[in-house]
N, C-alpha and C. Protein backbone atom coordinates (compact mmCIF):
# COMPACT_ATOMS: atom_id res chain seq x y z
N MET A 1 19.63 -17.97 8.15
CA MET A 1 18.75 -17.25 7.26
C MET A 1 19.32 -15.86 7.01
N ASN A 2 19.40 -15.45 5.75
CA ASN A 2 19.94 -14.13 5.48
C ASN A 2 18.80 -13.12 5.32
N ALA A 3 19.15 -11.84 5.18
CA ALA A 3 18.14 -10.78 5.12
C ALA A 3 17.19 -10.95 3.95
N ALA A 4 17.67 -11.55 2.86
CA ALA A 4 16.81 -11.70 1.68
C ALA A 4 15.73 -12.75 1.89
N THR A 5 15.99 -13.72 2.78
CA THR A 5 15.00 -14.79 2.97
C THR A 5 14.22 -14.66 4.27
N GLU A 6 14.59 -13.69 5.13
CA GLU A 6 13.85 -13.51 6.38
C GLU A 6 12.50 -12.88 6.10
N PRO A 7 11.48 -13.33 6.82
CA PRO A 7 10.16 -12.73 6.61
C PRO A 7 10.15 -11.28 7.08
N ALA A 8 9.38 -10.47 6.41
CA ALA A 8 9.28 -9.06 6.78
C ALA A 8 8.51 -8.92 8.08
N ASP A 9 8.88 -7.91 8.87
CA ASP A 9 8.16 -7.64 10.12
C ASP A 9 6.87 -6.92 9.78
N VAL A 10 5.76 -7.59 9.99
CA VAL A 10 4.45 -6.99 9.71
C VAL A 10 3.70 -6.75 11.01
N SER A 11 4.42 -6.64 12.12
CA SER A 11 3.79 -6.48 13.42
C SER A 11 3.17 -5.12 13.62
N GLY A 12 3.59 -4.12 12.81
CA GLY A 12 3.05 -2.78 12.98
C GLY A 12 3.56 -2.10 14.23
N GLY A 13 4.76 -2.48 14.68
CA GLY A 13 5.33 -1.91 15.89
C GLY A 13 5.59 -0.43 15.75
N ALA A 14 5.78 0.24 16.87
CA ALA A 14 5.95 1.69 16.88
C ALA A 14 7.22 2.10 16.14
N GLU A 15 8.23 1.24 16.14
CA GLU A 15 9.48 1.61 15.48
C GLU A 15 9.39 1.52 13.96
N GLN A 16 8.37 0.88 13.45
CA GLN A 16 8.20 0.73 12.00
C GLN A 16 7.28 1.82 11.50
N ASP A 17 7.66 2.49 10.42
CA ASP A 17 6.83 3.54 9.84
C ASP A 17 5.99 2.93 8.73
N PRO A 18 4.68 2.71 8.98
CA PRO A 18 3.85 2.06 7.96
C PRO A 18 3.73 2.89 6.69
N ALA A 19 3.90 4.20 6.78
CA ALA A 19 3.79 5.03 5.59
C ALA A 19 4.96 4.79 4.64
N SER A 20 6.06 4.21 5.13
CA SER A 20 7.21 3.95 4.26
C SER A 20 7.01 2.72 3.40
N ASP A 21 6.02 1.91 3.70
CA ASP A 21 5.73 0.71 2.92
C ASP A 21 4.81 1.09 1.77
N SER A 22 5.37 1.18 0.57
CA SER A 22 4.59 1.66 -0.58
C SER A 22 3.43 0.75 -0.92
N ALA A 23 3.47 -0.50 -0.49
CA ALA A 23 2.36 -1.41 -0.77
C ALA A 23 1.16 -1.08 0.12
N VAL A 24 1.39 -0.38 1.22
CA VAL A 24 0.32 -0.06 2.15
C VAL A 24 -0.08 1.41 2.07
N ALA A 25 0.88 2.28 1.85
CA ALA A 25 0.65 3.72 1.94
C ALA A 25 -0.04 4.27 0.71
N TRP A 26 -0.78 5.33 0.93
CA TRP A 26 -1.40 6.10 -0.14
C TRP A 26 -1.34 7.56 0.29
N PRO A 27 -1.57 8.49 -0.62
CA PRO A 27 -1.52 9.91 -0.24
C PRO A 27 -2.50 10.18 0.91
N GLY A 28 -2.03 10.77 1.97
CA GLY A 28 -2.85 11.06 3.12
C GLY A 28 -2.73 10.03 4.23
N TYR A 29 -2.07 8.92 3.96
CA TYR A 29 -1.95 7.83 4.94
C TYR A 29 -1.27 8.31 6.22
N GLU A 30 -0.39 9.28 6.11
CA GLU A 30 0.35 9.77 7.27
C GLU A 30 -0.57 10.39 8.32
N LYS A 31 -1.80 10.72 7.94
CA LYS A 31 -2.74 11.30 8.91
C LYS A 31 -3.11 10.32 10.01
N PHE A 32 -2.89 9.02 9.78
CA PHE A 32 -3.16 8.05 10.84
C PHE A 32 -2.31 8.35 12.07
N GLY A 33 -1.07 8.76 11.85
CA GLY A 33 -0.20 9.12 12.97
C GLY A 33 -0.72 10.34 13.72
N THR A 34 -1.18 11.32 12.96
CA THR A 34 -1.75 12.52 13.57
C THR A 34 -2.99 12.18 14.37
N VAL A 35 -3.86 11.35 13.79
CA VAL A 35 -5.07 10.93 14.50
C VAL A 35 -4.71 10.19 15.78
N GLN A 36 -3.74 9.30 15.72
CA GLN A 36 -3.35 8.56 16.93
C GLN A 36 -2.83 9.49 18.00
N ASP A 37 -2.06 10.51 17.61
CA ASP A 37 -1.56 11.48 18.58
C ASP A 37 -2.72 12.21 19.26
N ILE A 38 -3.72 12.60 18.48
CA ILE A 38 -4.88 13.29 19.04
C ILE A 38 -5.65 12.36 19.99
N LEU A 39 -5.82 11.10 19.58
CA LEU A 39 -6.53 10.14 20.43
C LEU A 39 -5.78 9.89 21.74
N ASP A 40 -4.45 9.86 21.67
CA ASP A 40 -3.65 9.71 22.89
C ASP A 40 -3.84 10.91 23.81
N GLN A 41 -3.88 12.11 23.22
CA GLN A 41 -4.12 13.32 24.01
C GLN A 41 -5.51 13.28 24.63
N ASN A 42 -6.50 12.80 23.87
CA ASN A 42 -7.86 12.69 24.40
C ASN A 42 -7.92 11.77 25.60
N LYS A 43 -7.17 10.69 25.56
CA LYS A 43 -7.14 9.76 26.70
C LYS A 43 -6.65 10.47 27.96
N ILE A 44 -5.61 11.28 27.80
CA ILE A 44 -5.08 12.05 28.93
C ILE A 44 -6.13 13.04 29.44
N LEU A 45 -6.78 13.74 28.50
CA LEU A 45 -7.82 14.70 28.89
C LEU A 45 -8.96 14.02 29.65
N ILE A 46 -9.41 12.89 29.14
CA ILE A 46 -10.52 12.16 29.77
C ILE A 46 -10.14 11.71 31.18
N ASN A 47 -8.92 11.24 31.34
CA ASN A 47 -8.46 10.82 32.67
C ASN A 47 -8.46 12.00 33.65
N GLU A 48 -8.00 13.17 33.17
CA GLU A 48 -7.99 14.35 34.04
C GLU A 48 -9.41 14.83 34.34
N ILE A 49 -10.28 14.80 33.34
CA ILE A 49 -11.69 15.18 33.55
C ILE A 49 -12.32 14.27 34.60
N ASN A 50 -12.10 12.97 34.48
CA ASN A 50 -12.65 12.02 35.45
C ASN A 50 -12.11 12.27 36.86
N ALA A 51 -10.81 12.51 36.96
CA ALA A 51 -10.21 12.77 38.28
C ALA A 51 -10.80 14.04 38.89
N ASN A 52 -10.95 15.08 38.10
CA ASN A 52 -11.54 16.33 38.59
C ASN A 52 -12.99 16.12 39.03
N HIS A 53 -13.71 15.34 38.28
CA HIS A 53 -15.12 15.08 38.60
C HIS A 53 -15.23 14.30 39.92
N GLU A 54 -14.37 13.31 40.09
CA GLU A 54 -14.40 12.51 41.32
C GLU A 54 -13.98 13.33 42.54
N ALA A 55 -13.03 14.25 42.36
CA ALA A 55 -12.54 15.06 43.47
C ALA A 55 -13.58 16.09 43.91
N GLN A 56 -14.41 16.53 43.01
CA GLN A 56 -15.48 17.49 43.30
C GLN A 56 -14.97 18.79 43.95
N ASN A 57 -13.75 19.22 43.60
CA ASN A 57 -13.32 20.51 44.12
C ASN A 57 -13.62 21.59 43.07
N PRO A 58 -13.89 22.80 43.52
CA PRO A 58 -14.32 23.85 42.59
C PRO A 58 -13.32 24.15 41.47
N GLN A 59 -12.02 24.17 41.79
CA GLN A 59 -11.02 24.46 40.76
C GLN A 59 -11.00 23.37 39.70
N GLY A 60 -11.07 22.12 40.12
CA GLY A 60 -11.06 21.00 39.18
C GLY A 60 -12.29 20.99 38.29
N LEU A 61 -13.44 21.27 38.90
CA LEU A 61 -14.68 21.30 38.11
C LEU A 61 -14.67 22.47 37.12
N ALA A 62 -14.11 23.60 37.54
CA ALA A 62 -14.00 24.74 36.62
C ALA A 62 -13.03 24.41 35.48
N ARG A 63 -11.95 23.72 35.82
CA ARG A 63 -10.97 23.33 34.79
C ARG A 63 -11.59 22.35 33.80
N ASN A 64 -12.54 21.53 34.25
CA ASN A 64 -13.19 20.58 33.35
C ASN A 64 -13.87 21.26 32.18
N VAL A 65 -14.37 22.47 32.39
CA VAL A 65 -14.99 23.22 31.29
C VAL A 65 -13.98 23.41 30.16
N ILE A 66 -12.79 23.81 30.51
CA ILE A 66 -11.72 24.02 29.52
C ILE A 66 -11.32 22.70 28.89
N LEU A 67 -11.16 21.67 29.72
CA LEU A 67 -10.74 20.36 29.22
C LEU A 67 -11.78 19.76 28.28
N ILE A 68 -13.04 19.91 28.62
CA ILE A 68 -14.10 19.36 27.76
C ILE A 68 -14.16 20.10 26.43
N ARG A 69 -13.93 21.41 26.45
CA ARG A 69 -13.88 22.16 25.18
C ARG A 69 -12.72 21.68 24.31
N GLU A 70 -11.56 21.43 24.95
CA GLU A 70 -10.41 20.92 24.20
C GLU A 70 -10.70 19.53 23.65
N LEU A 71 -11.33 18.69 24.45
CA LEU A 71 -11.70 17.35 24.02
C LEU A 71 -12.64 17.42 22.82
N ASN A 72 -13.63 18.29 22.89
CA ASN A 72 -14.58 18.46 21.79
C ASN A 72 -13.87 18.92 20.52
N SER A 73 -12.95 19.86 20.66
CA SER A 73 -12.18 20.34 19.51
C SER A 73 -11.34 19.21 18.91
N ASN A 74 -10.73 18.41 19.77
CA ASN A 74 -9.92 17.28 19.29
C ASN A 74 -10.77 16.26 18.55
N ILE A 75 -11.96 16.00 19.05
CA ILE A 75 -12.85 15.04 18.38
C ILE A 75 -13.22 15.56 17.00
N SER A 76 -13.48 16.86 16.88
CA SER A 76 -13.77 17.45 15.57
C SER A 76 -12.59 17.30 14.62
N LYS A 77 -11.38 17.47 15.15
CA LYS A 77 -10.19 17.30 14.32
C LYS A 77 -10.06 15.86 13.83
N VAL A 78 -10.34 14.90 14.71
CA VAL A 78 -10.26 13.48 14.32
C VAL A 78 -11.27 13.19 13.22
N VAL A 79 -12.48 13.69 13.37
CA VAL A 79 -13.51 13.49 12.34
C VAL A 79 -13.04 14.07 11.01
N ASP A 80 -12.48 15.28 11.04
CA ASP A 80 -11.99 15.90 9.80
C ASP A 80 -10.86 15.08 9.17
N HIS A 81 -9.95 14.58 10.01
CA HIS A 81 -8.85 13.76 9.48
C HIS A 81 -9.39 12.47 8.85
N TYR A 82 -10.37 11.85 9.49
CA TYR A 82 -10.94 10.63 8.93
C TYR A 82 -11.68 10.92 7.62
N LYS A 83 -12.33 12.06 7.50
CA LYS A 83 -12.95 12.45 6.23
C LYS A 83 -11.89 12.58 5.15
N ASP A 84 -10.78 13.26 5.49
CA ASP A 84 -9.68 13.42 4.54
C ASP A 84 -9.08 12.07 4.16
N LEU A 85 -8.89 11.20 5.15
CA LEU A 85 -8.36 9.87 4.87
C LEU A 85 -9.27 9.09 3.94
N SER A 86 -10.55 9.17 4.19
CA SER A 86 -11.51 8.46 3.35
C SER A 86 -11.46 8.97 1.91
N ALA A 87 -11.42 10.29 1.76
CA ALA A 87 -11.35 10.87 0.42
C ALA A 87 -10.04 10.48 -0.27
N SER A 88 -8.93 10.52 0.46
CA SER A 88 -7.64 10.15 -0.12
C SER A 88 -7.63 8.69 -0.55
N PHE A 89 -8.19 7.83 0.29
CA PHE A 89 -8.23 6.41 -0.03
C PHE A 89 -9.09 6.16 -1.25
N GLN A 90 -10.23 6.84 -1.35
CA GLN A 90 -11.11 6.67 -2.51
C GLN A 90 -10.42 7.14 -3.78
N GLU A 91 -9.67 8.23 -3.71
CA GLU A 91 -8.94 8.72 -4.88
C GLU A 91 -7.83 7.75 -5.27
N PHE A 92 -7.23 7.11 -4.30
CA PHE A 92 -6.12 6.20 -4.54
C PHE A 92 -6.60 4.88 -5.12
N SER A 93 -7.78 4.44 -4.72
CA SER A 93 -8.30 3.14 -5.15
C SER A 93 -8.80 3.21 -6.59
N PRO A 94 -8.58 2.15 -7.35
CA PRO A 94 -9.11 2.11 -8.71
C PRO A 94 -10.63 2.14 -8.68
N GLU A 95 -11.21 2.81 -9.67
CA GLU A 95 -12.67 2.96 -9.74
C GLU A 95 -13.40 1.62 -9.73
N GLU A 96 -12.88 0.64 -10.46
CA GLU A 96 -13.59 -0.64 -10.55
C GLU A 96 -13.67 -1.35 -9.21
N ASP A 97 -12.72 -1.07 -8.31
CA ASP A 97 -12.76 -1.68 -6.99
C ASP A 97 -13.82 -1.05 -6.09
N MET A 98 -14.28 0.14 -6.45
CA MET A 98 -15.24 0.85 -5.63
C MET A 98 -16.68 0.42 -5.93
N GLU A 99 -16.90 -0.23 -7.06
CA GLU A 99 -18.23 -0.67 -7.44
C GLU A 99 -18.61 -1.91 -6.64
N PRO A 100 -19.83 -1.96 -6.10
CA PRO A 100 -20.23 -3.18 -5.40
C PRO A 100 -20.38 -4.33 -6.39
N ALA A 101 -20.03 -5.51 -5.94
CA ALA A 101 -20.11 -6.69 -6.81
C ALA A 101 -21.57 -6.99 -7.10
N ALA A 102 -21.83 -7.38 -8.35
CA ALA A 102 -23.19 -7.75 -8.73
C ALA A 102 -23.54 -9.07 -8.07
N PRO A 103 -24.78 -9.20 -7.61
CA PRO A 103 -25.16 -10.47 -6.98
C PRO A 103 -25.11 -11.62 -7.98
N LYS A 104 -24.68 -12.77 -7.49
CA LYS A 104 -24.59 -13.95 -8.35
C LYS A 104 -25.98 -14.55 -8.53
N GLU A 105 -26.28 -14.87 -9.76
CA GLU A 105 -27.56 -15.53 -10.04
C GLU A 105 -27.34 -17.03 -9.98
N GLU A 106 -28.26 -17.72 -9.32
CA GLU A 106 -28.11 -19.17 -9.19
C GLU A 106 -29.11 -19.88 -10.05
């Protein structure tokens, strides 16, 4: 099988940049990568917050205040990015596709 007849890799693996696929990408699509980075950071923060909470030492509990503020800020950023993504996607989509389909009369 040559390169022209091989099926395209649609696995969405980390080595593939989905924004480079013009059939999938739209303006603002690259924010998905930014959102994923923030979510990965949140996972690390949550793990540290949980560890500090379980340890119940004063320094760890005091540090949790800072970590929770950072987590809250990150969540706000994710919400803002999703708002931007939604707006970009709506602008990219044709207007007729945004209209709900009329119910079929039987």
